Amino acid sequence: MLPLWLKNVFDAEVDLSASAVFTVTYSATADLYLQLRPSFAWDGGAKHLVKIPSTGGQSKSLTVDFKESSWTFLESLGKPLKKNI
């Protein structure tokens, strides 16, 4: 996993409560996971995440829906106590 700072600053807060989707532009040679973490709970693994598919190294954009059923968790990181997406 890699961190994605929404304000390009560690520990900055962004209110996403009015947002339905987000778009990320990236290139990756392997699948990866993206977690959205609140600034008050940056560490720890018990957060929901979404799998981001490999692009074969090409630059692509992907739009992810906050309500989408593909939000999940990894057992090795711990199960979130409640749905926080």
N, C-alpha and C. Protein backbone atom coordinates (compact mmCIF):
# COMPACT_ATOMS: atom_id res chain seq x y z
N MET A 1 0.83 -1.18 0.00
CA MET A 1 0.00 0.00 0.00
C MET A 1 0.87 1.24 0.00
N LEU A 2 0.33 2.30 -0.51
CA LEU A 2 1.05 3.55 -0.46
C LEU A 2 0.12 4.65 0.02
N PRO A 3 0.65 5.62 0.75
CA PRO A 3 -0.20 6.70 1.24
C PRO A 3 -0.58 7.67 0.13
N LEU A 4 -1.78 8.16 0.19
CA LEU A 4 -2.27 9.17 -0.75
C LEU A 4 -2.78 10.33 0.09
N TRP A 5 -2.00 11.37 0.17
CA TRP A 5 -2.36 12.53 0.99
C TRP A 5 -3.22 13.48 0.16
N LEU A 6 -4.44 13.68 0.57
CA LEU A 6 -5.38 14.47 -0.22
C LEU A 6 -5.01 15.94 -0.31
N LYS A 7 -4.28 16.44 0.64
CA LYS A 7 -3.81 17.83 0.58
C LYS A 7 -2.29 17.90 0.41
N ASN A 8 -1.69 16.76 0.04
CA ASN A 8 -0.24 16.67 -0.13
C ASN A 8 0.52 17.03 1.14
N VAL A 9 -0.13 16.83 2.28
CA VAL A 9 0.49 17.11 3.57
C VAL A 9 0.04 16.02 4.55
N PHE A 10 0.99 15.44 5.28
CA PHE A 10 0.64 14.46 6.29
C PHE A 10 -0.24 15.09 7.36
N ASP A 11 -1.25 14.36 7.81
CA ASP A 11 -2.13 14.75 8.91
C ASP A 11 -3.11 15.87 8.57
N ALA A 12 -3.25 16.22 7.29
CA ALA A 12 -4.24 17.22 6.89
C ALA A 12 -5.60 16.55 6.75
N GLU A 13 -6.65 17.27 7.05
CA GLU A 13 -8.00 16.71 6.96
C GLU A 13 -8.74 17.24 5.73
N VAL A 14 -9.55 16.37 5.15
CA VAL A 14 -10.41 16.72 4.03
C VAL A 14 -11.77 16.13 4.32
N ASP A 15 -12.82 16.92 4.21
CA ASP A 15 -14.18 16.44 4.44
C ASP A 15 -14.72 15.85 3.14
N LEU A 16 -14.86 14.53 3.12
CA LEU A 16 -15.36 13.84 1.93
C LEU A 16 -16.82 13.43 2.08
N SER A 17 -17.50 13.92 3.10
CA SER A 17 -18.87 13.47 3.37
C SER A 17 -19.86 13.82 2.26
N ALA A 18 -19.58 14.84 1.47
CA ALA A 18 -20.48 15.20 0.37
C ALA A 18 -20.04 14.57 -0.95
N SER A 19 -18.99 13.78 -0.91
CA SER A 19 -18.45 13.16 -2.13
C SER A 19 -19.04 11.77 -2.34
N ALA A 20 -19.33 11.44 -3.58
CA ALA A 20 -19.84 10.12 -3.92
C ALA A 20 -18.76 9.24 -4.53
N VAL A 21 -17.77 9.86 -5.19
CA VAL A 21 -16.71 9.14 -5.87
C VAL A 21 -15.40 9.91 -5.73
N PHE A 22 -14.31 9.25 -6.08
CA PHE A 22 -13.04 9.95 -6.27
C PHE A 22 -12.34 9.31 -7.46
N THR A 23 -11.47 10.08 -8.08
CA THR A 23 -10.71 9.59 -9.23
C THR A 23 -9.23 9.69 -8.91
N VAL A 24 -8.51 8.62 -9.20
CA VAL A 24 -7.07 8.58 -8.99
C VAL A 24 -6.41 8.26 -10.33
N THR A 25 -5.35 8.99 -10.65
CA THR A 25 -4.55 8.71 -11.84
C THR A 25 -3.25 8.10 -11.37
N TYR A 26 -2.89 6.95 -11.92
CA TYR A 26 -1.76 6.19 -11.41
C TYR A 26 -1.21 5.27 -12.49
N SER A 27 -0.06 4.70 -12.23
CA SER A 27 0.46 3.59 -13.03
C SER A 27 1.01 2.57 -12.06
N ALA A 28 0.76 1.30 -12.33
CA ALA A 28 1.19 0.23 -11.43
C ALA A 28 1.44 -1.03 -12.23
N THR A 29 2.49 -1.74 -11.89
CA THR A 29 2.79 -2.99 -12.57
C THR A 29 2.20 -4.20 -11.84
N ALA A 30 1.55 -3.96 -10.71
CA ALA A 30 0.87 -5.01 -9.96
C ALA A 30 -0.37 -4.41 -9.29
N ASP A 31 -1.33 -5.26 -8.97
CA ASP A 31 -2.50 -4.79 -8.22
C ASP A 31 -2.04 -4.21 -6.88
N LEU A 32 -2.77 -3.25 -6.35
CA LEU A 32 -2.48 -2.69 -5.04
C LEU A 32 -3.78 -2.34 -4.35
N TYR A 33 -3.70 -2.00 -3.09
CA TYR A 33 -4.88 -1.61 -2.31
C TYR A 33 -4.75 -0.16 -1.89
N LEU A 34 -5.87 0.53 -1.87
CA LEU A 34 -5.92 1.91 -1.41
C LEU A 34 -6.81 1.97 -0.18
N GLN A 35 -6.30 2.55 0.88
CA GLN A 35 -7.08 2.78 2.10
C GLN A 35 -7.28 4.26 2.29
N LEU A 36 -8.47 4.64 2.70
CA LEU A 36 -8.72 6.01 3.13
C LEU A 36 -8.69 6.01 4.64
N ARG A 37 -7.79 6.81 5.20
CA ARG A 37 -7.62 6.82 6.65
C ARG A 37 -7.93 8.20 7.20
N PRO A 38 -8.70 8.29 8.25
CA PRO A 38 -8.94 9.60 8.86
C PRO A 38 -7.66 10.10 9.54
N SER A 39 -7.48 11.40 9.57
CA SER A 39 -6.26 11.96 10.14
C SER A 39 -6.10 11.62 11.62
N PHE A 40 -7.22 11.39 12.32
CA PHE A 40 -7.13 11.07 13.75
C PHE A 40 -6.77 9.60 13.99
N ALA A 41 -6.76 8.79 12.93
CA ALA A 41 -6.42 7.37 13.08
C ALA A 41 -5.54 6.93 11.91
N TRP A 42 -4.44 7.64 11.72
CA TRP A 42 -3.57 7.38 10.58
C TRP A 42 -2.97 5.99 10.63
N ASP A 43 -2.55 5.56 11.80
CA ASP A 43 -1.88 4.26 11.88
C ASP A 43 -2.88 3.15 12.17
N GLY A 44 -2.39 1.95 12.19
CA GLY A 44 -3.27 0.79 12.40
C GLY A 44 -3.85 0.34 11.08
N GLY A 45 -4.32 -0.87 11.02
CA GLY A 45 -4.77 -1.42 9.76
C GLY A 45 -6.25 -1.65 9.62
N ALA A 46 -7.00 -1.49 10.68
CA ALA A 46 -8.42 -1.85 10.64
C ALA A 46 -9.23 -0.77 9.92
N LYS A 47 -8.99 -0.65 8.62
CA LYS A 47 -9.68 0.32 7.78
C LYS A 47 -10.18 -0.40 6.53
N HIS A 48 -11.22 0.14 5.92
CA HIS A 48 -11.70 -0.42 4.65
C HIS A 48 -10.77 0.00 3.53
N LEU A 49 -10.68 -0.85 2.53
CA LEU A 49 -9.81 -0.57 1.40
C LEU A 49 -10.44 -1.07 0.12
N VAL A 50 -9.89 -0.61 -0.98
CA VAL A 50 -10.39 -1.02 -2.29
C VAL A 50 -9.19 -1.46 -3.13
N LYS A 51 -9.38 -2.53 -3.88
CA LYS A 51 -8.31 -3.04 -4.74
C LYS A 51 -8.21 -2.18 -5.99
N ILE A 52 -6.99 -1.76 -6.29
CA ILE A 52 -6.70 -0.95 -7.47
C ILE A 52 -5.95 -1.85 -8.45
N PRO A 53 -6.50 -2.07 -9.64
CA PRO A 53 -5.89 -3.03 -10.56
C PRO A 53 -4.61 -2.51 -11.22
N SER A 54 -3.75 -3.43 -11.57
CA SER A 54 -2.54 -3.12 -12.31
C SER A 54 -2.89 -2.45 -13.63
N THR A 55 -2.04 -1.54 -14.06
CA THR A 55 -2.22 -0.91 -15.37
C THR A 55 -1.17 -1.39 -16.36
N GLY A 56 -0.35 -2.36 -15.93
CA GLY A 56 0.74 -2.82 -16.79
C GLY A 56 1.79 -1.75 -16.99
N GLY A 57 1.84 -0.80 -16.06
CA GLY A 57 2.82 0.28 -16.13
C GLY A 57 2.35 1.50 -16.91
N GLN A 58 1.17 1.43 -17.49
CA GLN A 58 0.62 2.57 -18.23
C GLN A 58 -0.10 3.51 -17.29
N SER A 59 -0.11 4.79 -17.60
CA SER A 59 -0.85 5.77 -16.79
C SER A 59 -2.33 5.67 -17.12
N LYS A 60 -3.16 5.49 -16.09
CA LYS A 60 -4.61 5.39 -16.27
C LYS A 60 -5.31 6.11 -15.13
N SER A 61 -6.55 6.45 -15.35
CA SER A 61 -7.40 7.02 -14.31
C SER A 61 -8.48 6.03 -13.94
N LEU A 62 -8.81 5.99 -12.67
CA LEU A 62 -9.84 5.08 -12.16
C LEU A 62 -10.74 5.87 -11.23
N THR A 63 -12.04 5.79 -11.45
CA THR A 63 -13.01 6.42 -10.57
C THR A 63 -13.59 5.36 -9.65
N VAL A 64 -13.57 5.63 -8.36
CA VAL A 64 -14.04 4.68 -7.35
C VAL A 64 -15.24 5.29 -6.63
N ASP A 65 -16.29 4.51 -6.50
CA ASP A 65 -17.51 4.93 -5.83
C ASP A 65 -17.42 4.57 -4.35
N PHE A 66 -17.72 5.52 -3.47
CA PHE A 66 -17.67 5.24 -2.03
C PHE A 66 -18.69 4.18 -1.61
N LYS A 67 -19.78 4.05 -2.33
CA LYS A 67 -20.82 3.09 -1.98
C LYS A 67 -20.62 1.73 -2.64
N GLU A 68 -19.62 1.63 -3.50
CA GLU A 68 -19.35 0.42 -4.26
C GLU A 68 -19.10 -0.77 -3.34
N SER A 69 -19.54 -1.93 -3.76
CA SER A 69 -19.40 -3.13 -2.94
C SER A 69 -17.98 -3.68 -2.90
N SER A 70 -17.08 -3.16 -3.72
CA SER A 70 -15.71 -3.68 -3.74
C SER A 70 -14.86 -3.19 -2.56
N TRP A 71 -15.39 -2.30 -1.72
CA TRP A 71 -14.66 -1.91 -0.51
C TRP A 71 -14.62 -3.13 0.41
N THR A 72 -13.45 -3.41 0.94
CA THR A 72 -13.24 -4.62 1.72
C THR A 72 -12.22 -4.36 2.81
N PHE A 73 -11.64 -5.40 3.35
CA PHE A 73 -10.55 -5.30 4.31
C PHE A 73 -9.67 -6.51 4.12
N LEU A 74 -8.45 -6.45 4.63
CA LEU A 74 -7.55 -7.60 4.62
C LEU A 74 -7.47 -8.15 6.03
N GLU A 75 -7.70 -9.43 6.18
CA GLU A 75 -7.66 -10.05 7.50
C GLU A 75 -6.34 -9.76 8.22
N SER A 76 -5.24 -9.73 7.47
CA SER A 76 -3.93 -9.49 8.07
C SER A 76 -3.80 -8.08 8.65
N LEU A 77 -4.62 -7.15 8.20
CA LEU A 77 -4.60 -5.78 8.72
C LEU A 77 -5.62 -5.56 9.83
N GLY A 78 -6.55 -6.48 9.98
CA GLY A 78 -7.59 -6.35 10.99
C GLY A 78 -8.90 -5.90 10.38
N LYS A 79 -9.99 -6.43 10.89
CA LYS A 79 -11.32 -6.10 10.40
C LYS A 79 -11.82 -4.81 11.04
N PRO A 80 -12.29 -3.85 10.25
CA PRO A 80 -12.86 -2.63 10.81
C PRO A 80 -14.07 -2.95 11.69
N LEU A 81 -14.27 -2.16 12.73
CA LEU A 81 -15.39 -2.38 13.63
C LEU A 81 -16.72 -2.06 12.98
N LYS A 82 -16.73 -1.09 12.09
CA LYS A 82 -17.97 -0.73 11.40
C LYS A 82 -17.63 -0.20 10.03
N LYS A 83 -18.62 -0.12 9.17
CA LYS A 83 -18.43 0.40 7.83
C LYS A 83 -18.14 1.88 7.95
N ASN A 84 -16.94 2.31 7.50
CA ASN A 84 -16.57 3.72 7.61
C ASN A 84 -16.41 4.38 6.25
N ILE A 85 -16.98 3.79 5.23
CA ILE A 85 -16.95 4.37 3.90
C ILE A 85 -18.33 4.89 3.58
